[in-house]
């Protein structure tokens, strides 16, 4: 019995997709009870300086009293609760140091992350950055 090449190709393609989705799902599953991702971005160009800080709860449980300290004379932001998988984007206020951001939470989270400058990713107004 001859199996058409097209049938083999479709079967192989589906197998690759299934393997990709399984590995993606397994790798994306949180492994720690409390964990957070902090990504402060700064873009300096001829129009000025644009910044934002993205914070995501990458743990399995809710974080409470998430404090985002921008340094300098800026008042920190306080997020009362951040559920697993939730992501927020904040704009550092006037008076921020713009060198690093420190994020703490009631559950023992304490992360200090320096600002990063993405390679050629221009901001688009106040709606975020392009890319």
Foldseek 3Di string as FASTA:
>chain_A
DDDDPVVVVVVVVVVVVVVVVVVVVVVQQADAQWDKDKAWAWEQDPVGIFIKIKMATSHQAKWAFKWKAQDFPFDIDTDGIHGHGRMDMGGGDPRGPQQWIWIDTPVGDTDIGGYDYDDPFACDPPPGTHD
